[in-house]
Amino acid sequence: MSNPKPFSLRAAALAASLGAVLALLQPAAAETTLKLAHASSAGSLINKAAEMFAEKLKAESGGSLTVRIYPDAQLGDEGPIADGVGAGSIDIGLGGVADAIDPKLNVVTLPFLFADAKAAHAFLDGPVGREVFATGGDNGFHMLGALDSGFRQFATIDKQIVVPADMAGVKLRTPPNPVILATMKALGALPQSIPFSEVYTALQSHVVDGVEPELRDFYDQKWYEIVKHVSLSNYIWTPNYWFMNKARYDGLTEAERAAVDKAAAETTTWYRAELGGVYDGVIAELKGKGIVIEAIDPAPFRAKVDPVYAQFGQEWGADFVANVRKAAAGQ
């Protein structure tokens, strides 16, 4: 009786070879493209961060995830972007409007909450900050974190704001953030909620007397062509909330979710390190264009905003607001 072993080995080898050939003929795994939208300009640090995130995510996911970026409000202003992410028509959004995610996220924009950017970052990375940003899941959002939109200042077309009395009756454009709107009213200004993409025209036509900008946006959007006076008050720190459609995030593989989280964390670290130099450069550029930039004493302004804390303490819970305020002060 002949030994069948050599035949079995030959058959196994043939099957293995055939399997290898078939594997080579199989199409590569499908690539998933995520839509990321924001309202900042294509030349902004925000867009550079989006581009870095896209590069890191593609590398971390082995090419299974790519990102298509839509800057300059191509898919709408900040509010519509948040709505689009919640509805699933946009996968990832960056912006300062949080009501669609969870109104309590606006707690980080309470006036004079943070002494500086270092304090804001320490809060975001700490336990209370993580608790605040772990919201939105019930409303269809997964929070990736926040990139600084920076401290906001006072800027007007034809006069310098030095004390609160200078703000009386001044029409200032604001984003549709309820805390900013309430703060403007407490300081005596007349807030005008105008879409980001329409601000230049509103200034040009004197629909508003000025803005309360973050300086990079002020420069990138060329508002300095009309607005000539900037008062550095650091009156409110605002984030660019970074969020993803929760169903889209949950539908990724475990490895892909880990890649998203890692790419977002590494991009945030890079972004924070860039901020100081960017602001120094922006201020130098603005002064070179003849813009009057003066640091003002924030104490008289801070003395007028207690009603804002009381208002949102009633809305979100006094203990919640007090706990955030304590953690923001590093206590």
C-alpha atoms as a PDB file:
ATOM      1  CA  MET A   1       0.000   0.000   0.000  1.00  0.00           C
ATOM      2  CA  SER A   2       1.442   3.333  -1.044  1.00  0.00           C
ATOM      3  CA  ASN A   3       2.026   6.113   1.453  1.00  0.00           C
ATOM      4  CA  PRO A   4      -0.488   9.034   0.810  1.00  0.00           C
ATOM      5  CA  LYS A   5       1.534  11.562   2.771  1.00  0.00           C
ATOM      6  CA  PRO A   6       3.498  13.058  -0.163  1.00  0.00           C
ATOM      7  CA  PHE A   7       0.229  13.634  -2.070  1.00  0.00           C
ATOM      8  CA  SER A   8      -1.321  15.342   0.977  1.00  0.00           C
ATOM      9  CA  LEU A   9       1.666  17.616   1.311  1.00  0.00           C
ATOM     10  CA  ARG A  10       1.540  18.493  -2.380  1.00  0.00           C
ATOM     11  CA  ALA A  11      -2.206  19.213  -2.125  1.00  0.00           C
ATOM     12  CA  ALA A  12      -1.719  21.404   0.915  1.00  0.00           C
ATOM     13  CA  ALA A  13       1.064  23.319  -0.792  1.00  0.00           C
ATOM     14  CA  LEU A  14      -1.074  23.811  -3.887  1.00  0.00           C
ATOM     15  CA  ALA A  15      -4.007  25.039  -1.777  1.00  0.00           C
ATOM     16  CA  ALA A  16      -1.767  27.476   0.076  1.00  0.00           C
ATOM     17  CA  SER A  17      -0.377  28.827  -3.184  1.00  0.00           C
ATOM     18  CA  LEU A  18      -3.849  29.181  -4.619  1.00  0.00           C
ATOM     19  CA  GLY A  19      -4.998  30.987  -1.456  1.00  0.00           C
ATOM     20  CA  ALA A  20      -2.097  33.408  -1.688  1.00  0.00           C
ATOM     21  CA  VAL A  21      -2.923  34.184  -5.319  1.00  0.00           C
ATOM     22  CA  LEU A  22      -6.587  34.739  -4.483  1.00  0.00           C
ATOM     23  CA  ALA A  23      -5.631  37.036  -1.601  1.00  0.00           C
ATOM     24  CA  LEU A  24      -3.577  39.163  -3.969  1.00  0.00           C
ATOM     25  CA  LEU A  25      -6.547  39.400  -6.309  1.00  0.00           C
ATOM     26  CA  GLN A  26      -8.904  40.607  -3.565  1.00  0.00           C
ATOM     27  CA  PRO A  27      -9.650  44.371  -3.602  1.00  0.00           C
ATOM     28  CA  ALA A  28      -8.165  46.443  -0.782  1.00  0.00           C
ATOM     29  CA  ALA A  29     -10.362  47.171   2.220  1.00  0.00           C
ATOM     30  CA  ALA A  30     -12.778  50.031   1.575  1.00  0.00           C
ATOM     31  CA  GLU A  31     -11.516  53.454   2.570  1.00  0.00           C
ATOM     32  CA  THR A  32     -13.846  55.549   4.724  1.00  0.00           C
ATOM     33  CA  THR A  33     -13.838  59.304   4.120  1.00  0.00           C
ATOM     34  CA  LEU A  34     -14.966  61.544   6.979  1.00  0.00           C
ATOM     35  CA  LYS A  35     -16.271  65.057   6.320  1.00  0.00           C
ATOM     36  CA  LEU A  36     -14.792  67.665   8.698  1.00  0.00           C
ATOM     37  CA  ALA A  37     -16.252  71.192   8.609  1.00  0.00           C
ATOM     38  CA  HIS A  38     -15.422  74.500  10.293  1.00  0.00           C
ATOM     39  CA  ALA A  39     -16.021  78.209   9.692  1.00  0.00           C
ATOM     40  CA  SER A  40     -12.422  79.441  10.073  1.00  0.00           C
ATOM     41  CA  SER A  41     -10.364  80.463   7.049  1.00  0.00           C
ATOM     42  CA  ALA A  42      -8.255  78.052   5.022  1.00  0.00           C
ATOM     43  CA  GLY A  43      -5.112  79.845   6.219  1.00  0.00           C
ATOM     44  CA  SER A  44      -5.993  79.728   9.919  1.00  0.00           C
ATOM     45  CA  LEU A  45      -4.317  77.711  12.663  1.00  0.00           C
ATOM     46  CA  ILE A  46      -7.609  75.849  13.049  1.00  0.00           C
ATOM     47  CA  ASN A  47      -7.403  74.636   9.459  1.00  0.00           C
ATOM     48  CA  LYS A  48      -3.753  73.694   9.906  1.00  0.00           C
ATOM     49  CA  ALA A  49      -4.856  71.620  12.894  1.00  0.00           C
ATOM     50  CA  ALA A  50      -7.575  69.985  10.779  1.00  0.00           C
ATOM     51  CA  GLU A  51      -4.982  69.124   8.132  1.00  0.00           C
ATOM     52  CA  MET A  52      -2.644  67.674  10.760  1.00  0.00           C
ATOM     53  CA  PHE A  53      -5.511  65.621  12.215  1.00  0.00           C
ATOM     54  CA  ALA A  54      -6.271  64.258   8.735  1.00  0.00           C
ATOM     55  CA  GLU A  55      -2.641  63.252   8.177  1.00  0.00           C
ATOM     56  CA  LYS A  56      -2.309  61.618  11.587  1.00  0.00           C
ATOM     57  CA  LEU A  57      -5.614  59.776  11.277  1.00  0.00           C
ATOM     58  CA  LYS A  58      -4.731  58.342   7.889  1.00  0.00           C
ATOM     59  CA  ALA A  59      -1.400  57.123   9.248  1.00  0.00           C
ATOM     60  CA  GLU A  60      -2.820  55.766  12.525  1.00  0.00           C
ATOM     61  CA  SER A  61      -5.632  53.920  10.748  1.00  0.00           C
ATOM     62  CA  GLY A  62      -3.349  52.403   8.134  1.00  0.00           C
ATOM     63  CA  GLY A  63      -5.199  54.315   5.429  1.00  0.00           C
ATOM     64  CA  SER A  64      -8.673  53.040   6.277  1.00  0.00           C
ATOM     65  CA  LEU A  65      -9.803  56.512   7.411  1.00  0.00           C
ATOM     66  CA  THR A  66      -9.292  59.695   5.450  1.00  0.00           C
ATOM     67  CA  VAL A  67     -10.646  63.197   6.072  1.00  0.00           C
ATOM     68  CA  ARG A  68     -12.068  65.721   3.630  1.00  0.00           C
ATOM     69  CA  ILE A  69     -11.878  69.225   5.096  1.00  0.00           C
ATOM     70  CA  TYR A  70     -14.421  71.988   4.426  1.00  0.00           C
ATOM     71  CA  PRO A  71     -13.106  75.338   5.795  1.00  0.00           C
ATOM     72  CA  ASP A  72     -14.479  78.870   5.328  1.00  0.00           C
ATOM     73  CA  ALA A  73     -18.053  77.927   6.337  1.00  0.00           C
ATOM     74  CA  GLN A  74     -18.451  75.966   3.093  1.00  0.00           C
ATOM     75  CA  LEU A  75     -21.004  73.737   4.829  1.00  0.00           C
ATOM     76  CA  GLY A  76     -22.548  76.543   6.883  1.00  0.00           C
ATOM     77  CA  ASP A  77     -21.721  78.681   9.887  1.00  0.00           C
ATOM     78  CA  GLU A  78     -20.917  77.195  13.312  1.00  0.00           C
ATOM     79  CA  GLY A  79     -24.546  76.556  14.323  1.00  0.00           C
ATOM     80  CA  PRO A  80     -25.477  74.710  11.108  1.00  0.00           C
ATOM     81  CA  ILE A  81     -22.231  72.720  11.328  1.00  0.00           C
ATOM     82  CA  ALA A  82     -23.176  71.466  14.807  1.00  0.00           C
ATOM     83  CA  ASP A  83     -26.680  70.661  13.566  1.00  0.00           C
ATOM     84  CA  GLY A  84     -25.201  68.829  10.587  1.00  0.00           C
ATOM     85  CA  VAL A  85     -22.958  66.694  12.779  1.00  0.00           C
ATOM     86  CA  GLY A  86     -25.902  65.841  15.009  1.00  0.00           C
ATOM     87  CA  ALA A  87     -27.976  64.848  11.983  1.00  0.00           C
ATOM     88  CA  GLY A  88     -25.130  62.878  10.416  1.00  0.00           C
ATOM     89  CA  SER A  89     -24.715  64.914   7.218  1.00  0.00           C
ATOM     90  CA  ILE A  90     -21.302  66.052   8.532  1.00  0.00           C
ATOM     91  CA  ASP A  91     -19.038  63.625  10.393  1.00  0.00           C
ATOM     92  CA  ILE A  92     -16.788  65.968  12.394  1.00  0.00           C
ATOM     93  CA  GLY A  93     -17.210  69.616  13.331  1.00  0.00           C
ATOM     94  CA  LEU A  94     -15.177  72.379  14.939  1.00  0.00           C
ATOM     95  CA  GLY A  95     -16.853  75.495  16.275  1.00  0.00           C
ATOM     96  CA  GLY A  96     -17.839  77.629  19.212  1.00  0.00           C
ATOM     97  CA  VAL A  97     -21.601  77.058  19.122  1.00  0.00           C
ATOM     98  CA  ALA A  98     -22.528  74.279  21.559  1.00  0.00           C
ATOM     99  CA  ASP A  99     -26.292  74.507  22.091  1.00  0.00           C
ATOM    100  CA  ALA A 100     -27.024  71.594  19.750  1.00  0.00           C
ATOM    101  CA  ILE A 101     -24.531  69.449  21.676  1.00  0.00           C
ATOM    102  CA  ASP A 102     -25.407  70.470  25.236  1.00  0.00           C
ATOM    103  CA  PRO A 103     -26.022  74.058  26.418  1.00  0.00           C
ATOM    104  CA  LYS A 104     -24.076  73.359  29.620  1.00  0.00           C
ATOM    105  CA  LEU A 105     -20.873  73.207  27.552  1.00  0.00           C
ATOM    106  CA  ASN A 106     -21.100  76.989  27.465  1.00  0.00           C
ATOM    107  CA  VAL A 107     -20.056  77.030  31.125  1.00  0.00           C
ATOM    108  CA  VAL A 108     -16.406  77.288  30.004  1.00  0.00           C
ATOM    109  CA  THR A 109     -17.195  80.631  28.366  1.00  0.00           C
ATOM    110  CA  LEU A 110     -18.331  82.378  31.543  1.00  0.00           C
ATOM    111  CA  PRO A 111     -16.659  85.822  31.763  1.00  0.00           C
ATOM    112  CA  PHE A 112     -13.222  86.093  33.349  1.00  0.00           C
ATOM    113  CA  LEU A 113     -13.324  82.385  34.244  1.00  0.00           C
ATOM    114  CA  PHE A 114      -9.689  81.647  33.317  1.00  0.00           C
ATOM    115  CA  ALA A 115      -6.625  83.691  34.196  1.00  0.00           C
ATOM    116  CA  ASP A 116      -4.774  82.589  31.054  1.00  0.00           C
ATOM    117  CA  ALA A 117      -4.540  79.839  28.440  1.00  0.00           C
ATOM    118  CA  LYS A 118      -2.480  77.636  30.777  1.00  0.00           C
ATOM    119  CA  ALA A 119      -5.323  77.690  33.307  1.00  0.00           C
ATOM    120  CA  ALA A 120      -7.862  76.849  30.601  1.00  0.00           C
ATOM    121  CA  HIS A 121      -5.829  73.862  29.413  1.00  0.00           C
ATOM    122  CA  ALA A 122      -5.308  72.598  32.963  1.00  0.00           C
ATOM    123  CA  PHE A 123      -9.065  72.739  33.484  1.00  0.00           C
ATOM    124  CA  LEU A 124      -9.866  70.915  30.224  1.00  0.00           C
ATOM    125  CA  ASP A 125      -7.390  68.137  31.029  1.00  0.00           C
ATOM    126  CA  GLY A 126      -8.531  67.813  34.643  1.00  0.00           C
ATOM    127  CA  PRO A 127     -11.407  65.777  36.107  1.00  0.00           C
ATOM    128  CA  VAL A 128     -14.003  68.568  36.096  1.00  0.00           C
ATOM    129  CA  GLY A 129     -13.122  69.556  32.543  1.00  0.00           C
ATOM    130  CA  ARG A 130     -13.391  65.957  31.342  1.00  0.00           C
ATOM    131  CA  GLU A 131     -16.757  65.690  33.087  1.00  0.00           C
ATOM    132  CA  VAL A 132     -18.006  68.837  31.379  1.00  0.00           C
ATOM    133  CA  PHE A 133     -16.854  67.657  27.953  1.00  0.00           C
ATOM    134  CA  ALA A 134     -18.277  64.169  28.410  1.00  0.00           C
ATOM    135  CA  THR A 135     -21.644  65.603  27.425  1.00  0.00           C
ATOM    136  CA  GLY A 136     -23.604  65.356  24.225  1.00  0.00           C
ATOM    137  CA  GLY A 137     -23.804  61.579  23.966  1.00  0.00           C
ATOM    138  CA  ASP A 138     -27.547  61.595  24.523  1.00  0.00           C
ATOM    139  CA  ASN A 139     -27.903  64.165  21.744  1.00  0.00           C
ATOM    140  CA  GLY A 140     -25.915  62.258  19.141  1.00  0.00           C
ATOM    141  CA  PHE A 141     -22.418  63.696  19.649  1.00  0.00           C
ATOM    142  CA  HIS A 142     -19.073  62.241  20.658  1.00  0.00           C
ATOM    143  CA  MET A 143     -16.720  64.922  22.022  1.00  0.00           C
ATOM    144  CA  LEU A 144     -13.160  64.770  20.725  1.00  0.00           C
ATOM    145  CA  GLY A 145     -12.088  67.725  22.885  1.00  0.00           C
ATOM    146  CA  ALA A 146     -11.552  71.420  22.242  1.00  0.00           C
ATOM    147  CA  LEU A 147      -9.091  73.598  20.387  1.00  0.00           C
ATOM    148  CA  ASP A 148      -8.633  77.128  21.723  1.00  0.00           C
ATOM    149  CA  SER A 149     -10.661  79.766  20.016  1.00  0.00           C
ATOM    150  CA  GLY A 150      -8.748  81.939  22.441  1.00  0.00           C
ATOM    151  CA  PHE A 151      -9.534  84.920  24.608  1.00  0.00           C
ATOM    152  CA  ARG A 152     -11.938  87.473  23.204  1.00  0.00           C
ATOM    153  CA  GLN A 153     -11.284  91.200  23.197  1.00  0.00           C
ATOM    154  CA  PHE A 154     -13.190  94.439  22.547  1.00  0.00           C
ATOM    155  CA  ALA A 155     -12.708  96.109  19.149  1.00  0.00           C
ATOM    156  CA  THR A 156     -14.529  99.082  17.664  1.00  0.00           C
ATOM    157  CA  ILE A 157     -14.414 101.057  14.462  1.00  0.00           C
ATOM    158  CA  ASP A 158     -13.748 104.524  15.792  1.00  0.00           C
ATOM    159  CA  LYS A 159     -13.123 104.611  19.563  1.00  0.00           C
ATOM    160  CA  GLN A 160     -11.101 102.839  22.228  1.00  0.00           C
ATOM    161  CA  ILE A 161     -12.928 100.950  24.971  1.00  0.00           C
ATOM    162  CA  VAL A 162     -11.089 101.535  28.259  1.00  0.00           C
ATOM    163  CA  VAL A 163     -13.770 101.384  30.994  1.00  0.00           C
ATOM    164  CA  PRO A 164     -17.241  99.800  31.070  1.00  0.00           C
ATOM    165  CA  ALA A 165     -18.903 103.177  30.462  1.00  0.00           C
ATOM    166  CA  ASP A 166     -17.306 103.187  26.999  1.00  0.00           C
ATOM    167  CA  MET A 167     -19.472 100.199  26.046  1.00  0.00           C
ATOM    168  CA  ALA A 168     -22.816 101.846  26.758  1.00  0.00           C
ATOM    169  CA  GLY A 169     -25.025 101.552  23.670  1.00  0.00           C
ATOM    170  CA  VAL A 170     -22.235 100.189  21.462  1.00  0.00           C
ATOM    171  CA  LYS A 171     -23.480  97.615  18.947  1.00  0.00           C
ATOM    172  CA  LEU A 172     -21.026  94.724  18.994  1.00  0.00           C
ATOM    173  CA  ARG A 173     -21.284  91.640  16.825  1.00  0.00           C
ATOM    174  CA  THR A 174     -21.251  88.395  18.818  1.00  0.00           C
ATOM    175  CA  PRO A 175     -21.642  84.720  17.961  1.00  0.00           C
ATOM    176  CA  PRO A 176     -24.950  83.171  19.080  1.00  0.00           C
ATOM    177  CA  ASN A 177     -23.459  82.091  22.408  1.00  0.00           C
ATOM    178  CA  PRO A 178     -25.910  82.784  25.267  1.00  0.00           C
ATOM    179  CA  VAL A 179     -23.128  83.514  27.777  1.00  0.00           C
ATOM    180  CA  ILE A 180     -21.477  86.062  25.477  1.00  0.00           C
ATOM    181  CA  LEU A 181     -24.836  87.688  24.767  1.00  0.00           C
ATOM    182  CA  ALA A 182     -25.626  87.933  28.489  1.00  0.00           C
ATOM    183  CA  THR A 183     -22.141  89.289  29.257  1.00  0.00           C
ATOM    184  CA  MET A 184     -22.416  91.996  26.612  1.00  0.00           C
ATOM    185  CA  LYS A 185     -25.742  93.111  28.094  1.00  0.00           C
ATOM    186  CA  ALA A 186     -24.271  93.131  31.626  1.00  0.00           C
ATOM    187  CA  LEU A 187     -21.489  95.406  30.381  1.00  0.00           C
ATOM    188  CA  GLY A 188     -23.946  97.786  28.754  1.00  0.00           C
ATOM    189  CA  ALA A 189     -23.297  96.924  25.099  1.00  0.00           C
ATOM    190  CA  LEU A 190     -25.923  95.995  22.504  1.00  0.00           C
ATOM    191  CA  PRO A 191     -25.013  92.511  21.235  1.00  0.00           C
ATOM    192  CA  GLN A 192     -25.845  91.699  17.630  1.00  0.00           C
ATOM    193  CA  SER A 193     -25.793  87.998  16.730  1.00  0.00           C
ATOM    194  CA  ILE A 194     -24.547  87.962  13.139  1.00  0.00           C
ATOM    195  CA  PRO A 195     -23.225  84.893  11.242  1.00  0.00           C
ATOM    196  CA  PHE A 196     -19.436  84.728  11.091  1.00  0.00           C
ATOM    197  CA  SER A 197     -19.370  84.878   7.296  1.00  0.00           C
ATOM    198  CA  GLU A 198     -21.377  88.134   7.294  1.00  0.00           C
ATOM    199  CA  VAL A 199     -19.331  90.107   9.828  1.00  0.00           C
ATOM    200  CA  TYR A 200     -17.131  91.981   7.347  1.00  0.00           C
ATOM    201  CA  THR A 201     -20.155  93.304   5.464  1.00  0.00           C
ATOM    202  CA  ALA A 202     -21.891  94.259   8.725  1.00  0.00           C
ATOM    203  CA  LEU A 203     -18.843  96.261   9.789  1.00  0.00           C
ATOM    204  CA  GLN A 204     -18.422  97.828   6.378  1.00  0.00           C
ATOM    205  CA  SER A 205     -22.025  99.022   6.334  1.00  0.00           C
ATOM    206  CA  HIS A 206     -21.894 100.082  10.029  1.00  0.00           C
ATOM    207  CA  VAL A 207     -24.710  97.722  10.957  1.00  0.00           C
ATOM    208  CA  VAL A 208     -22.495  97.180  14.001  1.00  0.00           C
ATOM    209  CA  ASP A 209     -19.948  99.455  15.700  1.00  0.00           C
ATOM    210  CA  GLY A 210     -17.442  96.722  16.321  1.00  0.00           C
ATOM    211  CA  VAL A 211     -16.746  93.145  17.331  1.00  0.00           C
ATOM    212  CA  GLU A 212     -15.517  91.222  20.373  1.00  0.00           C
ATOM    213  CA  PRO A 213     -13.054  89.053  18.490  1.00  0.00           C
ATOM    214  CA  GLU A 214     -10.454  86.436  19.054  1.00  0.00           C
ATOM    215  CA  LEU A 215      -7.400  88.077  17.490  1.00  0.00           C
ATOM    216  CA  ARG A 216      -6.596  85.375  14.938  1.00  0.00           C
ATOM    217  CA  ASP A 217     -10.095  85.589  13.475  1.00  0.00           C
ATOM    218  CA  PHE A 218      -9.824  89.378  13.570  1.00  0.00           C
ATOM    219  CA  TYR A 219      -6.679  89.163  11.448  1.00  0.00           C
ATOM    220  CA  ASP A 220      -7.634  86.248   9.175  1.00  0.00           C
ATOM    221  CA  GLN A 221     -10.981  87.791   8.270  1.00  0.00           C
ATOM    222  CA  LYS A 222      -9.374  91.217   7.627  1.00  0.00           C
ATOM    223  CA  TRP A 223     -11.741  92.990  10.021  1.00  0.00           C
ATOM    224  CA  TYR A 224      -8.804  95.304  10.780  1.00  0.00           C
ATOM    225  CA  GLU A 225      -9.468  96.975   7.427  1.00  0.00           C
ATOM    226  CA  ILE A 226     -12.471  98.627   9.103  1.00  0.00           C
ATOM    227  CA  VAL A 227     -12.016  98.243  12.872  1.00  0.00           C
ATOM    228  CA  LYS A 228      -9.066 100.323  14.093  1.00  0.00           C
ATOM    229  CA  HIS A 229      -9.193 100.032  17.907  1.00  0.00           C
ATOM    230  CA  VAL A 230      -8.568  96.857  19.945  1.00  0.00           C
ATOM    231  CA  SER A 231      -8.742  96.715  23.754  1.00  0.00           C
ATOM    232  CA  LEU A 232      -7.061  93.648  25.252  1.00  0.00           C
ATOM    233  CA  SER A 233      -9.320  92.503  28.073  1.00  0.00           C
ATOM    234  CA  ASN A 234      -9.265  88.668  27.829  1.00  0.00           C
ATOM    235  CA  TYR A 235     -12.873  88.932  28.953  1.00  0.00           C
ATOM    236  CA  ILE A 236     -13.962  85.483  27.796  1.00  0.00           C
ATOM    237  CA  TRP A 237     -12.068  82.345  26.789  1.00  0.00           C
ATOM    238  CA  THR A 238     -13.814  80.322  24.131  1.00  0.00           C
ATOM    239  CA  PRO A 239     -13.132  76.889  22.694  1.00  0.00           C
ATOM    240  CA  ASN A 240     -13.541  75.496  19.254  1.00  0.00           C
ATOM    241  CA  TYR A 241     -15.514  72.484  20.416  1.00  0.00           C
ATOM    242  CA  TRP A 242     -14.330  69.403  18.532  1.00  0.00           C
ATOM    243  CA  PHE A 243     -17.091  66.868  18.053  1.00  0.00           C
ATOM    244  CA  MET A 244     -18.104  63.881  15.938  1.00  0.00           C
ATOM    245  CA  ASN A 245     -21.407  62.263  15.068  1.00  0.00           C
ATOM    246  CA  LYS A 246     -21.753  59.581  17.762  1.00  0.00           C
ATOM    247  CA  ALA A 247     -23.302  56.933  15.513  1.00  0.00           C
ATOM    248  CA  ARG A 248     -20.508  57.472  13.013  1.00  0.00           C
ATOM    249  CA  TYR A 249     -17.869  57.173  15.754  1.00  0.00           C
ATOM    250  CA  ASP A 250     -19.488  54.105  17.307  1.00  0.00           C
ATOM    251  CA  GLY A 251     -19.737  52.492  13.858  1.00  0.00           C
ATOM    252  CA  LEU A 252     -15.951  52.508  13.414  1.00  0.00           C
ATOM    253  CA  THR A 253     -13.853  49.529  14.416  1.00  0.00           C
ATOM    254  CA  GLU A 254     -12.185  49.583  17.813  1.00  0.00           C
ATOM    255  CA  ALA A 255      -8.830  50.236  16.136  1.00  0.00           C
ATOM    256  CA  GLU A 256     -10.284  53.091  14.085  1.00  0.00           C
ATOM    257  CA  ARG A 257     -11.856  54.720  17.164  1.00  0.00           C
ATOM    258  CA  ALA A 258      -8.473  54.499  18.895  1.00  0.00           C
ATOM    259  CA  ALA A 259      -6.882  56.127  15.836  1.00  0.00           C
ATOM    260  CA  VAL A 260      -9.402  58.989  15.915  1.00  0.00           C
ATOM    261  CA  ASP A 261      -8.810  59.613  19.614  1.00  0.00           C
ATOM    262  CA  LYS A 262      -5.020  59.483  19.286  1.00  0.00           C
ATOM    263  CA  ALA A 263      -4.946  61.789  16.261  1.00  0.00           C
ATOM    264  CA  ALA A 264      -7.185  64.311  18.042  1.00  0.00           C
ATOM    265  CA  ALA A 265      -5.073  64.239  21.230  1.00  0.00           C
ATOM    266  CA  GLU A 266      -1.778  64.679  19.369  1.00  0.00           C
ATOM    267  CA  THR A 267      -3.193  67.483  17.239  1.00  0.00           C
ATOM    268  CA  THR A 268      -4.449  69.281  20.358  1.00  0.00           C
ATOM    269  CA  THR A 269      -0.995  69.107  21.954  1.00  0.00           C
ATOM    270  CA  TRP A 270       0.609  70.563  18.813  1.00  0.00           C
ATOM    271  CA  TYR A 271      -2.017  73.286  18.520  1.00  0.00           C
ATOM    272  CA  ARG A 272      -1.554  74.497  22.084  1.00  0.00           C
ATOM    273  CA  ALA A 273       2.210  74.749  21.603  1.00  0.00           C
ATOM    274  CA  GLU A 274       1.712  76.960  18.552  1.00  0.00           C
ATOM    275  CA  LEU A 275      -0.626  79.497  20.158  1.00  0.00           C
ATOM    276  CA  GLY A 276       1.832  81.834  21.908  1.00  0.00           C
ATOM    277  CA  GLY A 277       3.960  82.465  18.846  1.00  0.00           C
ATOM    278  CA  VAL A 278       0.924  82.912  16.638  1.00  0.00           C
ATOM    279  CA  TYR A 279      -0.568  85.593  18.912  1.00  0.00           C
ATOM    280  CA  ASP A 280       2.733  87.457  19.116  1.00  0.00           C
ATOM    281  CA  GLY A 281       2.891  87.468  15.337  1.00  0.00           C
ATOM    282  CA  VAL A 282      -0.725  88.595  14.917  1.00  0.00           C
ATOM    283  CA  ILE A 283      -0.333  91.509  17.343  1.00  0.00           C
ATOM    284  CA  ALA A 284       2.850  92.629  15.595  1.00  0.00           C
ATOM    285  CA  GLU A 285       1.127  92.458  12.206  1.00  0.00           C
ATOM    286  CA  LEU A 286      -1.884  94.437  13.429  1.00  0.00           C
ATOM    287  CA  LYS A 287       0.274  97.151  14.984  1.00  0.00           C
ATOM    288  CA  GLY A 288       2.179  97.343  11.729  1.00  0.00           C
ATOM    289  CA  LYS A 289      -1.112  98.070   9.969  1.00  0.00           C
ATOM    290  CA  GLY A 290      -1.790 100.996  12.291  1.00  0.00           C
ATOM    291  CA  ILE A 291      -4.299  99.287  14.585  1.00  0.00           C
ATOM    292  CA  VAL A 292      -4.321 100.806  18.084  1.00  0.00           C
ATOM    293  CA  ILE A 293      -3.949  97.934  20.561  1.00  0.00           C
ATOM    294  CA  GLU A 294      -4.046  98.671  24.288  1.00  0.00           C
ATOM    295  CA  ALA A 295      -4.189  96.398  27.333  1.00  0.00           C
ATOM    296  CA  ILE A 296      -6.925  97.541  29.726  1.00  0.00           C
ATOM    297  CA  ASP A 297      -7.630  96.882  33.382  1.00  0.00           C
ATOM    298  CA  PRO A 298     -10.185  94.045  33.507  1.00  0.00           C
ATOM    299  CA  ALA A 299     -11.176  94.649  37.154  1.00  0.00           C
ATOM    300  CA  PRO A 300     -13.971  97.205  36.495  1.00  0.00           C
ATOM    301  CA  PHE A 301     -15.445  94.918  33.837  1.00  0.00           C
ATOM    302  CA  ARG A 302     -15.179  91.837  36.065  1.00  0.00           C
ATOM    303  CA  ALA A 303     -17.090  93.682  38.787  1.00  0.00           C
ATOM    304  CA  LYS A 304     -20.132  93.942  36.524  1.00  0.00           C
ATOM    305  CA  VAL A 305     -20.550  90.291  35.487  1.00  0.00           C
ATOM    306  CA  ASP A 306     -21.799  88.623  38.689  1.00  0.00           C
ATOM    307  CA  PRO A 307     -25.368  88.684  37.288  1.00  0.00           C
ATOM    308  CA  VAL A 308     -24.163  86.467  34.438  1.00  0.00           C
ATOM    309  CA  TYR A 309     -22.977  83.809  36.908  1.00  0.00           C
ATOM    310  CA  ALA A 310     -26.254  84.087  38.806  1.00  0.00           C
ATOM    311  CA  GLN A 311     -28.297  83.714  35.604  1.00  0.00           C
ATOM    312  CA  PHE A 312     -26.555  80.567  34.432  1.00  0.00           C
ATOM    313  CA  GLY A 313     -26.296  79.168  37.936  1.00  0.00           C
ATOM    314  CA  GLN A 314     -30.103  79.164  37.943  1.00  0.00           C
ATOM    315  CA  GLU A 315     -30.192  77.584  34.485  1.00  0.00           C
ATOM    316  CA  TRP A 316     -27.505  74.916  34.854  1.00  0.00           C
ATOM    317  CA  GLY A 317     -27.347  74.494  38.620  1.00  0.00           C
ATOM    318  CA  ALA A 318     -25.562  76.703  41.131  1.00  0.00           C
ATOM    319  CA  ASP A 319     -23.401  73.822  42.398  1.00  0.00           C
ATOM    320  CA  PHE A 320     -22.335  72.912  38.860  1.00  0.00           C
ATOM    321  CA  VAL A 321     -21.278  76.479  38.047  1.00  0.00           C
ATOM    322  CA  ALA A 322     -19.535  76.908  41.411  1.00  0.00           C
ATOM    323  CA  ASN A 323     -17.632  73.654  40.935  1.00  0.00           C
ATOM    324  CA  VAL A 324     -16.481  74.724  37.462  1.00  0.00           C
ATOM    325  CA  ARG A 325     -15.453  78.161  38.738  1.00  0.00           C
ATOM    326  CA  LYS A 326     -13.440  76.592  41.564  1.00  0.00           C
ATOM    327  CA  ALA A 327     -11.672  74.123  39.250  1.00  0.00           C
ATOM    328  CA  ALA A 328     -10.953  76.867  36.699  1.00  0.00           C
ATOM    329  CA  ALA A 329      -9.143  78.798  39.431  1.00  0.00           C
ATOM    330  CA  GLY A 330      -7.000  75.731  40.151  1.00  0.00           C
ATOM    331  CA  GLN A 331      -8.607  75.000  43.509  1.00  0.00           C
END
